[in-house]
Amino acid sequence: MKNILEELRKKNGISQERLAAAMGVSRQTINALENGKYNPSIKLAFKLARFFGLSIEEIFVYEEENKNENVR
């Protein structure tokens, strides 16, 4: 899953530490999110969206692993 979390954080002058504290997670969690190594829980995704005043879809973009697969 791709996201614009790092861009949003930097644009707003917020450190990873400060964002982590506001979200109730570790700085390492924020780092892993920004680097695409961790997908957030739905609760964390909602908290991040509210924090930045955006929708979840504006921050996180789901990309299917196999785009040729039909999903029903």
C-alpha atoms as a PDB file:
ATOM      1  CA  MET A   1       0.000   0.000   0.000  1.00  0.00           C
ATOM      2  CA  LYS A   2       1.376   3.391  -0.958  1.00  0.00           C
ATOM      3  CA  ASN A   3       0.809   6.550   1.044  1.00  0.00           C
ATOM      4  CA  ILE A   4       1.681  10.242   1.218  1.00  0.00           C
ATOM      5  CA  LEU A   5       2.234  10.230   4.971  1.00  0.00           C
ATOM      6  CA  GLU A   6       5.838  11.448   4.859  1.00  0.00           C
ATOM      7  CA  GLU A   7       4.908  14.262   2.471  1.00  0.00           C
ATOM      8  CA  LEU A   8       2.016  15.351   4.712  1.00  0.00           C
ATOM      9  CA  ARG A   9       4.120  15.174   7.841  1.00  0.00           C
ATOM     10  CA  LYS A  10       6.973  17.223   6.390  1.00  0.00           C
ATOM     11  CA  LYS A  11       4.611  19.735   4.761  1.00  0.00           C
ATOM     12  CA  ASN A  12       3.111  20.376   8.190  1.00  0.00           C
ATOM     13  CA  GLY A  13       6.482  20.541   9.969  1.00  0.00           C
ATOM     14  CA  ILE A  14       5.779  17.531  12.156  1.00  0.00           C
ATOM     15  CA  SER A  15       8.492  15.136  13.298  1.00  0.00           C
ATOM     16  CA  GLN A  16       8.021  11.379  13.269  1.00  0.00           C
ATOM     17  CA  GLU A  17       8.263  11.488  17.056  1.00  0.00           C
ATOM     18  CA  ARG A  18       5.496  14.070  17.397  1.00  0.00           C
ATOM     19  CA  LEU A  19       3.184  12.248  14.986  1.00  0.00           C
ATOM     20  CA  ALA A  20       3.852   8.950  16.735  1.00  0.00           C
ATOM     21  CA  ALA A  21       2.999  10.482  20.119  1.00  0.00           C
ATOM     22  CA  ALA A  22      -0.228  11.964  18.732  1.00  0.00           C
ATOM     23  CA  MET A  23      -1.206   8.572  17.283  1.00  0.00           C
ATOM     24  CA  GLY A  24      -0.179   6.543  20.324  1.00  0.00           C
ATOM     25  CA  VAL A  25       2.363   4.476  18.371  1.00  0.00           C
ATOM     26  CA  SER A  26       6.156   4.289  18.200  1.00  0.00           C
ATOM     27  CA  ARG A  27       8.331   6.405  15.926  1.00  0.00           C
ATOM     28  CA  GLN A  28       9.381   3.141  14.285  1.00  0.00           C
ATOM     29  CA  THR A  29       5.740   2.507  13.323  1.00  0.00           C
ATOM     30  CA  ILE A  30       5.534   5.895  11.600  1.00  0.00           C
ATOM     31  CA  ASN A  31       8.834   5.192   9.833  1.00  0.00           C
ATOM     32  CA  ALA A  32       7.613   1.772   8.665  1.00  0.00           C
ATOM     33  CA  LEU A  33       4.362   3.300   7.396  1.00  0.00           C
ATOM     34  CA  GLU A  34       6.214   5.991   5.460  1.00  0.00           C
ATOM     35  CA  ASN A  35       8.507   3.399   3.886  1.00  0.00           C
ATOM     36  CA  GLY A  36       5.665   1.087   2.873  1.00  0.00           C
ATOM     37  CA  LYS A  37       6.856  -1.681   5.179  1.00  0.00           C
ATOM     38  CA  TYR A  38       3.754  -1.662   7.365  1.00  0.00           C
ATOM     39  CA  ASN A  39       0.044  -1.303   6.666  1.00  0.00           C
ATOM     40  CA  PRO A  40      -1.901   0.538   9.357  1.00  0.00           C
ATOM     41  CA  SER A  41      -4.799  -0.882  11.302  1.00  0.00           C
ATOM     42  CA  ILE A  42      -8.111   0.659  10.297  1.00  0.00           C
ATOM     43  CA  LYS A  43      -8.138   2.512  13.636  1.00  0.00           C
ATOM     44  CA  LEU A  44      -4.700   4.037  12.983  1.00  0.00           C
ATOM     45  CA  ALA A  45      -5.672   4.917   9.402  1.00  0.00           C
ATOM     46  CA  PHE A  46      -8.745   6.791  10.700  1.00  0.00           C
ATOM     47  CA  LYS A  47      -6.682   8.582  13.361  1.00  0.00           C
ATOM     48  CA  LEU A  48      -4.110   9.696  10.768  1.00  0.00           C
ATOM     49  CA  ALA A  49      -6.845  10.882   8.402  1.00  0.00           C
ATOM     50  CA  ARG A  50      -8.522  12.913  11.141  1.00  0.00           C
ATOM     51  CA  PHE A  51      -5.185  14.341  12.280  1.00  0.00           C
ATOM     52  CA  PHE A  52      -4.452  15.684   8.787  1.00  0.00           C
ATOM     53  CA  GLY A  53      -8.075  16.574   7.971  1.00  0.00           C
ATOM     54  CA  LEU A  54      -8.203  14.213   5.002  1.00  0.00           C
ATOM     55  CA  SER A  55      -9.955  10.993   4.060  1.00  0.00           C
ATOM     56  CA  ILE A  56      -8.177   7.671   4.396  1.00  0.00           C
ATOM     57  CA  GLU A  57      -8.208   7.365   0.591  1.00  0.00           C
ATOM     58  CA  GLU A  58      -6.375  10.669   0.251  1.00  0.00           C
ATOM     59  CA  ILE A  59      -3.505   9.351   2.385  1.00  0.00           C
ATOM     60  CA  PHE A  60      -3.406   5.643   1.543  1.00  0.00           C
ATOM     61  CA  VAL A  61      -3.658   4.099  -1.920  1.00  0.00           C
ATOM     62  CA  TYR A  62      -4.310   0.385  -2.176  1.00  0.00           C
ATOM     63  CA  GLU A  63      -2.602  -1.309  -5.093  1.00  0.00           C
ATOM     64  CA  GLU A  64      -3.615  -4.846  -5.949  1.00  0.00           C
ATOM     65  CA  GLU A  65      -0.780  -7.333  -6.049  1.00  0.00           C
ATOM     66  CA  ASN A  66      -2.106  -9.051  -9.165  1.00  0.00           C
ATOM     67  CA  LYS A  67      -3.907  -6.574 -11.408  1.00  0.00           C
ATOM     68  CA  ASN A  68      -4.971  -9.314 -13.836  1.00  0.00           C
ATOM     69  CA  GLU A  69      -7.002 -11.081 -11.182  1.00  0.00           C
ATOM     70  CA  ASN A  70     -10.769 -10.556 -11.306  1.00  0.00           C
ATOM     71  CA  VAL A  71     -12.204  -9.641  -7.938  1.00  0.00           C
ATOM     72  CA  ARG A  72     -15.890 -10.226  -7.328  1.00  0.00           C
END
